[in-house]
């Protein structure tokens, strides 16, 4: 598959696992939202260590150190627990317990077109984006995530891409500059 006139059509089915993989990738890898809870935990544990170093010197140092340790470990656990719960609830709300056809994405010479489930017989896509406006593409072992903007992505599962992720990546490489192509394994 090569040439700027190549069209790649990907019918996308999502299930809970694929949705969860994408959410984890987007929040933890791409947006790096794990950094703030980690920084919070490190700071609170440092304060707790200072308190524990004062045991026997200052009254209540052990209690305060224990409270700070509990907060340092507890709040990040609650943060990530709520994240995983919200992903599960969203997948359930979307009816992804069994694989569900959600859209078809076409990568063509003029850009990206998307047809939602139930409208795939229409001539024109429900949404279209020229290549210049595409935010970027991220390749993982499970899928290619094509971001139309910083908050909107099309998920292209590896097993549903004709020719596999290599075919999609080659085509994306023909239309997107190298700084918009990211590989995470």
N, C-alpha and C. Protein backbone atom coordinates (compact mmCIF):
# COMPACT_ATOMS: atom_id res chain seq x y z
N UNK A 1 0.85 -1.17 0.00
CA UNK A 1 0.00 0.00 0.00
C UNK A 1 0.89 1.23 0.00
N UNK A 2 0.85 1.98 -1.07
CA UNK A 2 1.60 3.23 -1.10
C UNK A 2 0.98 4.15 -2.11
N UNK A 3 1.35 5.38 -2.03
CA UNK A 3 0.80 6.39 -2.92
C UNK A 3 -0.20 7.26 -2.20
N UNK A 4 -0.16 8.52 -2.55
CA UNK A 4 -1.03 9.48 -1.85
C UNK A 4 -2.49 9.33 -2.24
N UNK A 5 -2.82 8.49 -3.23
CA UNK A 5 -4.21 8.30 -3.63
C UNK A 5 -4.84 7.07 -2.99
N UNK A 6 -4.12 6.38 -2.15
CA UNK A 6 -4.63 5.19 -1.49
C UNK A 6 -5.71 5.57 -0.48
N UNK A 7 -6.77 4.74 -0.44
CA UNK A 7 -7.84 4.92 0.54
C UNK A 7 -7.86 3.68 1.43
N UNK A 8 -7.88 3.90 2.72
CA UNK A 8 -7.95 2.81 3.69
C UNK A 8 -9.23 2.98 4.49
N UNK A 9 -10.10 1.98 4.41
CA UNK A 9 -11.38 2.03 5.12
C UNK A 9 -11.33 1.07 6.31
N UNK A 10 -11.62 1.60 7.50
CA UNK A 10 -11.53 0.81 8.73
C UNK A 10 -12.89 0.80 9.44
N UNK A 11 -13.61 -0.34 9.39
CA UNK A 11 -14.85 -0.44 10.17
C UNK A 11 -14.47 -0.73 11.63
N UNK A 12 -14.92 0.10 12.54
CA UNK A 12 -14.46 0.02 13.92
C UNK A 12 -15.55 -0.56 14.83
N UNK A 13 -15.17 -1.62 15.54
CA UNK A 13 -16.00 -2.19 16.60
C UNK A 13 -15.25 -1.99 17.91
N UNK A 14 -15.95 -1.50 18.91
CA UNK A 14 -15.35 -1.30 20.23
C UNK A 14 -15.96 -2.24 21.24
N UNK A 15 -15.16 -2.62 22.21
CA UNK A 15 -15.65 -3.35 23.37
C UNK A 15 -15.04 -2.69 24.62
N UNK A 16 -15.40 -3.20 25.76
CA UNK A 16 -14.93 -2.60 27.01
C UNK A 16 -13.41 -2.58 27.09
N UNK A 17 -12.76 -3.66 26.69
CA UNK A 17 -11.30 -3.74 26.76
C UNK A 17 -10.62 -2.70 25.91
N UNK A 18 -11.08 -2.54 24.68
CA UNK A 18 -10.47 -1.55 23.78
C UNK A 18 -10.71 -0.13 24.31
N UNK A 19 -11.92 0.12 24.82
CA UNK A 19 -12.23 1.44 25.37
C UNK A 19 -11.35 1.73 26.59
N UNK A 20 -11.17 0.74 27.46
CA UNK A 20 -10.33 0.91 28.64
C UNK A 20 -8.87 1.14 28.24
N UNK A 21 -8.38 0.37 27.26
CA UNK A 21 -7.01 0.56 26.78
C UNK A 21 -6.80 1.98 26.27
N UNK A 22 -7.78 2.48 25.51
CA UNK A 22 -7.67 3.85 24.99
C UNK A 22 -7.68 4.87 26.13
N UNK A 23 -8.60 4.70 27.07
CA UNK A 23 -8.68 5.66 28.19
C UNK A 23 -7.38 5.68 28.98
N UNK A 24 -6.81 4.51 29.24
CA UNK A 24 -5.53 4.45 29.94
C UNK A 24 -4.43 5.13 29.15
N UNK A 25 -4.39 4.85 27.85
CA UNK A 25 -3.38 5.48 27.00
C UNK A 25 -3.54 6.99 27.02
N UNK A 26 -4.76 7.46 26.77
CA UNK A 26 -5.00 8.90 26.64
C UNK A 26 -4.67 9.65 27.93
N UNK A 27 -5.16 9.16 29.04
CA UNK A 27 -4.99 9.88 30.30
C UNK A 27 -3.58 9.70 30.89
N UNK A 28 -3.09 8.47 30.89
CA UNK A 28 -1.82 8.22 31.57
C UNK A 28 -0.59 8.41 30.68
N UNK A 29 -0.67 8.00 29.41
CA UNK A 29 0.51 8.13 28.55
C UNK A 29 0.54 9.46 27.81
N UNK A 30 -0.53 9.76 27.07
CA UNK A 30 -0.51 10.96 26.25
C UNK A 30 -0.59 12.23 27.08
N UNK A 31 -1.55 12.29 28.00
CA UNK A 31 -1.71 13.50 28.81
C UNK A 31 -0.83 13.49 30.06
N UNK A 32 -0.28 12.35 30.39
CA UNK A 32 0.62 12.19 31.55
C UNK A 32 -0.01 12.69 32.85
N UNK A 33 -1.27 12.35 33.06
CA UNK A 33 -1.97 12.80 34.27
C UNK A 33 -1.56 12.04 35.52
N UNK A 34 -0.67 11.08 35.42
CA UNK A 34 -0.17 10.37 36.60
C UNK A 34 0.83 11.21 37.37
N UNK A 35 1.36 12.26 36.75
CA UNK A 35 2.44 13.03 37.37
C UNK A 35 1.97 13.80 38.61
N UNK A 36 0.82 14.41 38.55
CA UNK A 36 0.35 15.21 39.70
C UNK A 36 0.07 14.35 40.93
N UNK A 37 -0.66 13.22 40.78
CA UNK A 37 -0.84 12.39 41.98
C UNK A 37 0.49 11.87 42.54
N UNK A 38 1.43 11.55 41.66
CA UNK A 38 2.74 11.08 42.13
C UNK A 38 3.48 12.19 42.87
N UNK A 39 3.47 13.40 42.31
CA UNK A 39 4.13 14.53 42.97
C UNK A 39 3.49 14.80 44.33
N UNK A 40 2.16 14.75 44.38
CA UNK A 40 1.44 14.95 45.64
C UNK A 40 1.89 13.91 46.67
N UNK A 41 1.92 12.63 46.26
CA UNK A 41 2.30 11.56 47.18
C UNK A 41 3.74 11.74 47.67
N UNK A 42 4.65 12.09 46.76
CA UNK A 42 6.05 12.28 47.15
C UNK A 42 6.18 13.42 48.16
N UNK A 43 5.50 14.53 47.90
CA UNK A 43 5.58 15.67 48.82
C UNK A 43 5.00 15.32 50.20
N UNK A 44 3.85 14.67 50.21
CA UNK A 44 3.23 14.31 51.49
C UNK A 44 4.10 13.30 52.25
N UNK A 45 4.70 12.35 51.52
CA UNK A 45 5.59 11.39 52.18
C UNK A 45 6.85 12.07 52.72
N UNK A 46 7.33 13.08 52.01
CA UNK A 46 8.49 13.84 52.51
C UNK A 46 8.13 14.57 53.79
N UNK A 47 6.94 15.18 53.81
CA UNK A 47 6.50 15.85 55.04
C UNK A 47 6.32 14.84 56.17
N UNK A 48 5.80 13.65 55.83
CA UNK A 48 5.63 12.60 56.84
C UNK A 48 7.00 12.17 57.38
N UNK A 49 7.98 12.05 56.51
CA UNK A 49 9.34 11.66 56.94
C UNK A 49 9.92 12.70 57.90
N UNK A 50 9.67 13.97 57.61
CA UNK A 50 10.14 15.03 58.52
C UNK A 50 9.46 14.87 59.88
N UNK A 51 8.15 14.60 59.85
CA UNK A 51 7.43 14.41 61.12
C UNK A 51 7.99 13.21 61.88
N UNK A 52 8.21 12.09 61.18
CA UNK A 52 8.73 10.90 61.86
C UNK A 52 10.14 11.13 62.41
N UNK A 53 10.88 12.01 61.77
CA UNK A 53 12.23 12.30 62.29
C UNK A 53 12.16 13.08 63.61
N UNK A 54 11.00 13.64 63.90
CA UNK A 54 10.83 14.43 65.12
C UNK A 54 10.15 13.65 66.25
N UNK A 55 9.93 12.34 66.04
CA UNK A 55 9.32 11.52 67.10
C UNK A 55 10.24 11.52 68.31
N UNK A 56 9.68 11.78 69.45
CA UNK A 56 10.45 11.86 70.69
C UNK A 56 10.97 13.26 70.96
N UNK A 57 10.96 14.11 69.93
CA UNK A 57 11.41 15.50 70.09
C UNK A 57 10.20 16.42 70.18
N UNK A 58 9.24 16.18 69.31
CA UNK A 58 8.03 17.00 69.27
C UNK A 58 6.82 16.13 69.59
N UNK A 59 5.95 16.67 70.39
CA UNK A 59 4.74 15.94 70.76
C UNK A 59 3.81 15.86 69.54
N UNK A 60 3.26 14.69 69.28
CA UNK A 60 2.31 14.50 68.17
C UNK A 60 2.96 14.28 66.82
N UNK A 61 4.27 14.20 66.77
CA UNK A 61 4.97 14.02 65.49
C UNK A 61 4.60 12.70 64.83
N UNK A 62 4.48 11.64 65.61
CA UNK A 62 4.13 10.33 65.06
C UNK A 62 2.72 10.33 64.49
N UNK A 63 1.79 10.96 65.22
CA UNK A 63 0.41 11.03 64.74
C UNK A 63 0.33 11.82 63.44
N UNK A 64 0.95 12.97 63.41
CA UNK A 64 0.92 13.79 62.19
C UNK A 64 1.61 13.06 61.03
N UNK A 65 2.72 12.39 61.30
CA UNK A 65 3.40 11.62 60.26
C UNK A 65 2.52 10.51 59.72
N UNK A 66 1.79 9.85 60.61
CA UNK A 66 0.87 8.79 60.18
C UNK A 66 -0.27 9.33 59.33
N UNK A 67 -0.82 10.48 59.74
CA UNK A 67 -1.90 11.10 58.97
C UNK A 67 -1.40 11.51 57.58
N UNK A 68 -0.24 12.14 57.53
CA UNK A 68 0.32 12.55 56.24
C UNK A 68 0.61 11.35 55.33
N UNK A 69 1.09 10.26 55.91
CA UNK A 69 1.33 9.04 55.13
C UNK A 69 0.03 8.49 54.57
N UNK A 70 -1.01 8.45 55.41
CA UNK A 70 -2.32 7.96 54.96
C UNK A 70 -2.87 8.82 53.84
N UNK A 71 -2.74 10.14 53.97
CA UNK A 71 -3.21 11.06 52.93
C UNK A 71 -2.38 10.89 51.66
N UNK A 72 -1.06 10.75 51.81
CA UNK A 72 -0.16 10.61 50.66
C UNK A 72 -0.49 9.38 49.84
N UNK A 73 -0.87 8.31 50.50
CA UNK A 73 -1.18 7.07 49.78
C UNK A 73 -2.66 6.98 49.43
N UNK A 74 -3.51 7.50 50.29
CA UNK A 74 -4.95 7.37 50.09
C UNK A 74 -5.52 8.19 48.95
N UNK A 75 -5.16 9.47 48.88
CA UNK A 75 -5.75 10.32 47.84
C UNK A 75 -5.39 9.87 46.42
N UNK A 76 -4.14 9.52 46.12
CA UNK A 76 -3.86 9.00 44.77
C UNK A 76 -4.62 7.70 44.48
N UNK A 77 -4.77 6.83 45.49
CA UNK A 77 -5.54 5.61 45.28
C UNK A 77 -7.00 5.93 44.96
N UNK A 78 -7.56 6.89 45.66
CA UNK A 78 -8.93 7.31 45.38
C UNK A 78 -9.03 7.91 43.98
N UNK A 79 -8.06 8.74 43.60
CA UNK A 79 -8.03 9.36 42.27
C UNK A 79 -8.06 8.29 41.17
N UNK A 80 -7.15 7.32 41.27
CA UNK A 80 -7.08 6.29 40.23
C UNK A 80 -8.27 5.35 40.31
N UNK A 81 -8.76 5.06 41.51
CA UNK A 81 -9.96 4.24 41.65
C UNK A 81 -11.16 4.88 40.99
N UNK A 82 -11.33 6.18 41.20
CA UNK A 82 -12.44 6.89 40.57
C UNK A 82 -12.27 6.93 39.05
N UNK A 83 -11.05 7.06 38.58
CA UNK A 83 -10.80 7.05 37.14
C UNK A 83 -11.24 5.71 36.53
N UNK A 84 -10.79 4.60 37.12
CA UNK A 84 -11.15 3.28 36.59
C UNK A 84 -12.66 3.04 36.69
N UNK A 85 -13.26 3.51 37.75
CA UNK A 85 -14.71 3.36 37.90
C UNK A 85 -15.45 4.16 36.83
N UNK A 86 -15.01 5.38 36.56
CA UNK A 86 -15.68 6.19 35.55
C UNK A 86 -15.52 5.58 34.16
N UNK A 87 -14.36 4.98 33.88
CA UNK A 87 -14.17 4.31 32.58
C UNK A 87 -15.12 3.13 32.46
N UNK A 88 -15.25 2.34 33.52
CA UNK A 88 -16.16 1.19 33.51
C UNK A 88 -17.61 1.63 33.33
N UNK A 89 -18.00 2.68 34.05
CA UNK A 89 -19.38 3.18 33.92
C UNK A 89 -19.64 3.73 32.52
N UNK A 90 -18.67 4.44 31.95
CA UNK A 90 -18.84 4.97 30.60
C UNK A 90 -18.97 3.84 29.59
N UNK A 91 -18.14 2.81 29.71
CA UNK A 91 -18.21 1.66 28.80
C UNK A 91 -19.57 0.96 28.93
N UNK A 92 -20.05 0.84 30.16
CA UNK A 92 -21.36 0.21 30.39
C UNK A 92 -22.46 1.06 29.77
N UNK A 93 -22.38 2.37 29.96
CA UNK A 93 -23.37 3.30 29.41
C UNK A 93 -23.39 3.24 27.88
N UNK A 94 -22.22 3.03 27.28
CA UNK A 94 -22.12 2.95 25.82
C UNK A 94 -22.50 1.56 25.30
N UNK A 95 -22.76 0.62 26.19
CA UNK A 95 -23.15 -0.72 25.78
C UNK A 95 -22.02 -1.52 25.16
N UNK A 96 -20.82 -1.40 25.71
CA UNK A 96 -19.65 -2.05 25.12
C UNK A 96 -19.31 -3.40 25.75
N UNK A 97 -20.24 -3.97 26.53
CA UNK A 97 -19.95 -5.27 27.14
C UNK A 97 -19.76 -6.34 26.06
N UNK A 98 -20.41 -6.17 24.94
CA UNK A 98 -20.16 -7.00 23.75
C UNK A 98 -19.67 -6.05 22.66
N UNK A 99 -18.84 -6.54 21.74
CA UNK A 99 -18.33 -5.65 20.69
C UNK A 99 -19.48 -4.96 19.95
N UNK A 100 -19.28 -3.67 19.72
CA UNK A 100 -20.33 -2.85 19.12
C UNK A 100 -19.74 -2.05 17.97
N UNK A 101 -20.40 -2.12 16.81
CA UNK A 101 -19.97 -1.33 15.66
C UNK A 101 -20.29 0.14 15.95
N UNK A 102 -19.26 0.99 15.93
CA UNK A 102 -19.47 2.39 16.30
C UNK A 102 -19.30 3.36 15.14
N UNK A 103 -18.35 3.10 14.26
CA UNK A 103 -18.15 3.98 13.11
C UNK A 103 -17.21 3.32 12.11
N UNK A 104 -17.13 3.95 10.95
CA UNK A 104 -16.15 3.56 9.93
C UNK A 104 -15.32 4.79 9.64
N UNK A 105 -14.01 4.62 9.64
CA UNK A 105 -13.09 5.72 9.35
C UNK A 105 -12.42 5.42 8.02
N UNK A 106 -12.36 6.43 7.18
CA UNK A 106 -11.68 6.30 5.89
C UNK A 106 -10.53 7.28 5.85
N UNK A 107 -9.35 6.75 5.59
CA UNK A 107 -8.16 7.58 5.40
C UNK A 107 -7.92 7.65 3.90
N UNK A 108 -8.05 8.84 3.34
CA UNK A 108 -7.92 9.00 1.90
C UNK A 108 -7.01 10.15 1.52
N UNK A 109 -6.91 10.42 0.23
CA UNK A 109 -6.00 11.46 -0.23
C UNK A 109 -6.33 12.85 0.31
N UNK A 110 -7.62 13.12 0.57
CA UNK A 110 -8.02 14.46 1.02
C UNK A 110 -8.08 14.60 2.53
N UNK A 111 -8.03 13.48 3.25
CA UNK A 111 -8.09 13.56 4.70
C UNK A 111 -8.80 12.37 5.31
N UNK A 112 -9.45 12.62 6.43
CA UNK A 112 -10.10 11.58 7.23
C UNK A 112 -11.61 11.79 7.18
N UNK A 113 -12.34 10.72 6.88
CA UNK A 113 -13.80 10.77 6.90
C UNK A 113 -14.32 9.77 7.91
N UNK A 114 -15.45 10.10 8.55
CA UNK A 114 -16.03 9.21 9.55
C UNK A 114 -17.52 9.06 9.30
N UNK A 115 -17.97 7.81 9.24
CA UNK A 115 -19.37 7.48 9.11
C UNK A 115 -19.79 6.74 10.37
N UNK A 116 -20.75 7.28 11.15
CA UNK A 116 -21.19 6.56 12.36
C UNK A 116 -21.99 5.31 11.99
N UNK A 117 -22.11 4.40 12.94
CA UNK A 117 -22.91 3.19 12.73
C UNK A 117 -24.32 3.61 12.33
N UNK A 118 -24.88 2.92 11.36
CA UNK A 118 -26.21 3.24 10.88
C UNK A 118 -26.23 4.23 9.74
N UNK A 119 -25.11 4.87 9.45
CA UNK A 119 -25.03 5.84 8.35
C UNK A 119 -23.92 5.49 7.37
N UNK A 120 -23.50 4.24 7.39
CA UNK A 120 -22.35 3.85 6.58
C UNK A 120 -22.67 3.73 5.10
N UNK A 121 -23.96 3.74 4.76
CA UNK A 121 -24.34 3.65 3.35
C UNK A 121 -24.40 5.02 2.68
N UNK A 122 -24.24 6.08 3.43
CA UNK A 122 -24.29 7.44 2.88
C UNK A 122 -23.04 7.73 2.06
N UNK A 123 -23.20 8.57 1.05
CA UNK A 123 -22.07 8.90 0.17
C UNK A 123 -21.06 9.81 0.88
N UNK A 124 -21.55 10.75 1.65
CA UNK A 124 -20.66 11.70 2.32
C UNK A 124 -20.49 11.34 3.80
N UNK A 125 -19.31 11.52 4.32
CA UNK A 125 -19.09 11.22 5.74
C UNK A 125 -19.83 12.21 6.64
N UNK A 126 -20.15 11.76 7.84
CA UNK A 126 -20.79 12.64 8.83
C UNK A 126 -19.79 13.68 9.33
N UNK A 127 -18.52 13.33 9.33
CA UNK A 127 -17.46 14.26 9.73
C UNK A 127 -16.26 14.04 8.81
N UNK A 128 -15.67 15.13 8.38
CA UNK A 128 -14.46 15.01 7.56
C UNK A 128 -13.44 16.04 8.02
N UNK A 129 -12.18 15.66 7.89
CA UNK A 129 -11.08 16.49 8.38
C UNK A 129 -9.95 16.41 7.37
N UNK A 130 -9.44 17.56 6.94
CA UNK A 130 -8.30 17.51 6.02
C UNK A 130 -7.04 17.17 6.81
N UNK A 131 -6.03 16.70 6.09
CA UNK A 131 -4.81 16.23 6.75
C UNK A 131 -4.11 17.33 7.55
N UNK A 132 -4.17 18.56 7.08
CA UNK A 132 -3.49 19.65 7.77
C UNK A 132 -4.09 19.91 9.16
N UNK A 133 -5.37 19.62 9.32
CA UNK A 133 -6.02 19.90 10.61
C UNK A 133 -5.91 18.74 11.61
N UNK A 134 -5.40 17.60 11.18
CA UNK A 134 -5.26 16.45 12.09
C UNK A 134 -4.21 16.78 13.15
N UNK A 135 -4.55 16.55 14.40
CA UNK A 135 -3.67 16.88 15.54
C UNK A 135 -2.47 15.95 15.62
N UNK A 136 -2.70 14.66 15.41
CA UNK A 136 -1.60 13.70 15.47
C UNK A 136 -2.10 12.27 15.52
N UNK A 137 -1.18 11.34 15.37
CA UNK A 137 -1.50 9.91 15.43
C UNK A 137 -0.54 9.22 16.38
N UNK A 138 -1.08 8.32 17.19
CA UNK A 138 -0.28 7.55 18.14
C UNK A 138 -0.50 6.07 17.83
N UNK A 139 0.60 5.35 17.71
CA UNK A 139 0.54 3.92 17.42
C UNK A 139 0.93 3.14 18.67
N UNK A 140 0.07 2.20 19.06
CA UNK A 140 0.37 1.30 20.16
C UNK A 140 0.33 -0.12 19.61
N UNK A 141 0.60 -1.10 20.45
CA UNK A 141 0.54 -2.49 20.01
C UNK A 141 -0.89 -2.90 19.66
N UNK A 142 -1.88 -2.28 20.31
CA UNK A 142 -3.28 -2.68 20.11
C UNK A 142 -4.02 -1.87 19.06
N UNK A 143 -3.56 -0.65 18.77
CA UNK A 143 -4.37 0.22 17.91
C UNK A 143 -3.56 1.41 17.42
N UNK A 144 -4.19 2.14 16.50
CA UNK A 144 -3.71 3.46 16.11
C UNK A 144 -4.78 4.43 16.58
N UNK A 145 -4.37 5.46 17.32
CA UNK A 145 -5.28 6.48 17.81
C UNK A 145 -5.03 7.73 16.98
N UNK A 146 -6.02 8.11 16.19
CA UNK A 146 -5.90 9.25 15.30
C UNK A 146 -6.66 10.42 15.93
N UNK A 147 -5.91 11.39 16.42
CA UNK A 147 -6.49 12.56 17.10
C UNK A 147 -6.80 13.64 16.07
N UNK A 148 -8.06 14.00 16.02
CA UNK A 148 -8.50 15.07 15.12
C UNK A 148 -8.17 16.42 15.76
N UNK A 149 -8.31 16.49 17.06
CA UNK A 149 -7.85 17.64 17.84
C UNK A 149 -7.35 17.10 19.18
N UNK A 150 -7.02 17.97 20.10
CA UNK A 150 -6.41 17.52 21.36
C UNK A 150 -7.34 16.66 22.21
N UNK A 151 -8.65 16.74 21.98
CA UNK A 151 -9.59 16.01 22.82
C UNK A 151 -10.46 14.99 22.08
N UNK A 152 -10.32 14.87 20.78
CA UNK A 152 -11.18 13.98 19.99
C UNK A 152 -10.31 13.04 19.16
N UNK A 153 -10.50 11.74 19.36
CA UNK A 153 -9.70 10.76 18.63
C UNK A 153 -10.58 9.68 18.03
N UNK A 154 -10.13 9.13 16.91
CA UNK A 154 -10.73 7.94 16.33
C UNK A 154 -9.84 6.77 16.71
N UNK A 155 -10.45 5.72 17.25
CA UNK A 155 -9.73 4.52 17.64
C UNK A 155 -9.76 3.55 16.47
N UNK A 156 -8.60 3.12 16.03
CA UNK A 156 -8.50 2.16 14.94
C UNK A 156 -7.83 0.90 15.48
N UNK A 157 -8.63 -0.09 15.94
CA UNK A 157 -8.06 -1.31 16.51
C UNK A 157 -7.22 -2.07 15.47
N UNK A 158 -6.09 -2.58 15.89
CA UNK A 158 -5.14 -3.24 14.99
C UNK A 158 -5.80 -4.36 14.20
N UNK A 159 -6.62 -5.18 14.86
CA UNK A 159 -7.21 -6.33 14.18
C UNK A 159 -8.27 -5.94 13.15
N UNK A 160 -8.70 -4.70 13.14
CA UNK A 160 -9.73 -4.27 12.19
C UNK A 160 -9.18 -3.44 11.04
N UNK A 161 -7.90 -3.13 11.07
CA UNK A 161 -7.30 -2.34 10.00
C UNK A 161 -6.88 -3.28 8.88
N UNK A 162 -7.44 -3.13 7.67
CA UNK A 162 -7.00 -3.98 6.56
C UNK A 162 -5.50 -3.78 6.32
N UNK A 163 -4.74 -4.85 6.37
CA UNK A 163 -3.29 -4.76 6.21
C UNK A 163 -2.58 -4.50 7.52
N UNK A 164 -3.32 -4.37 8.62
CA UNK A 164 -2.73 -4.17 9.94
C UNK A 164 -2.27 -2.74 10.18
N UNK A 165 -1.67 -2.54 11.35
CA UNK A 165 -1.24 -1.20 11.73
C UNK A 165 -0.12 -0.68 10.83
N UNK A 166 0.67 -1.59 10.25
CA UNK A 166 1.73 -1.15 9.33
C UNK A 166 1.13 -0.42 8.13
N UNK A 167 0.04 -0.95 7.58
CA UNK A 167 -0.60 -0.32 6.43
C UNK A 167 -1.12 1.07 6.79
N UNK A 168 -1.79 1.17 7.94
CA UNK A 168 -2.31 2.47 8.37
C UNK A 168 -1.17 3.44 8.64
N UNK A 169 -0.11 2.97 9.28
CA UNK A 169 1.00 3.84 9.65
C UNK A 169 1.73 4.35 8.41
N UNK A 170 1.86 3.49 7.40
CA UNK A 170 2.48 3.91 6.15
C UNK A 170 1.66 5.01 5.50
N UNK A 171 0.35 4.81 5.45
CA UNK A 171 -0.53 5.82 4.84
C UNK A 171 -0.49 7.12 5.64
N UNK A 172 -0.54 7.03 6.96
CA UNK A 172 -0.48 8.24 7.79
C UNK A 172 0.85 8.96 7.58
N UNK A 173 1.92 8.21 7.43
CA UNK A 173 3.24 8.80 7.20
C UNK A 173 3.33 9.55 5.89
N UNK A 174 2.50 9.19 4.92
CA UNK A 174 2.48 9.88 3.63
C UNK A 174 1.76 11.22 3.72
N UNK A 175 0.89 11.37 4.71
CA UNK A 175 0.06 12.57 4.79
C UNK A 175 0.35 13.48 5.98
N UNK A 176 0.97 12.94 7.02
CA UNK A 176 1.24 13.74 8.21
C UNK A 176 2.74 13.95 8.38
N UNK A 177 3.14 15.13 8.86
CA UNK A 177 4.57 15.34 9.12
C UNK A 177 5.04 14.46 10.28
N UNK A 178 6.33 14.19 10.31
CA UNK A 178 6.90 13.28 11.31
C UNK A 178 6.61 13.71 12.75
N UNK A 179 6.52 15.02 13.01
CA UNK A 179 6.28 15.48 14.39
C UNK A 179 4.85 15.17 14.87
N UNK A 180 3.96 14.77 13.96
CA UNK A 180 2.60 14.40 14.35
C UNK A 180 2.44 12.89 14.49
N UNK A 181 3.49 12.14 14.25
CA UNK A 181 3.44 10.68 14.33
C UNK A 181 4.22 10.22 15.56
N UNK A 182 3.56 9.45 16.42
CA UNK A 182 4.16 9.02 17.68
C UNK A 182 3.96 7.51 17.84
N UNK A 183 5.01 6.81 18.20
CA UNK A 183 4.94 5.37 18.43
C UNK A 183 5.16 5.11 19.91
N UNK A 184 4.22 4.43 20.54
CA UNK A 184 4.36 4.01 21.94
C UNK A 184 4.06 2.53 21.99
N UNK A 185 4.97 1.77 22.50
CA UNK A 185 4.78 0.31 22.53
C UNK A 185 4.67 -0.17 23.94
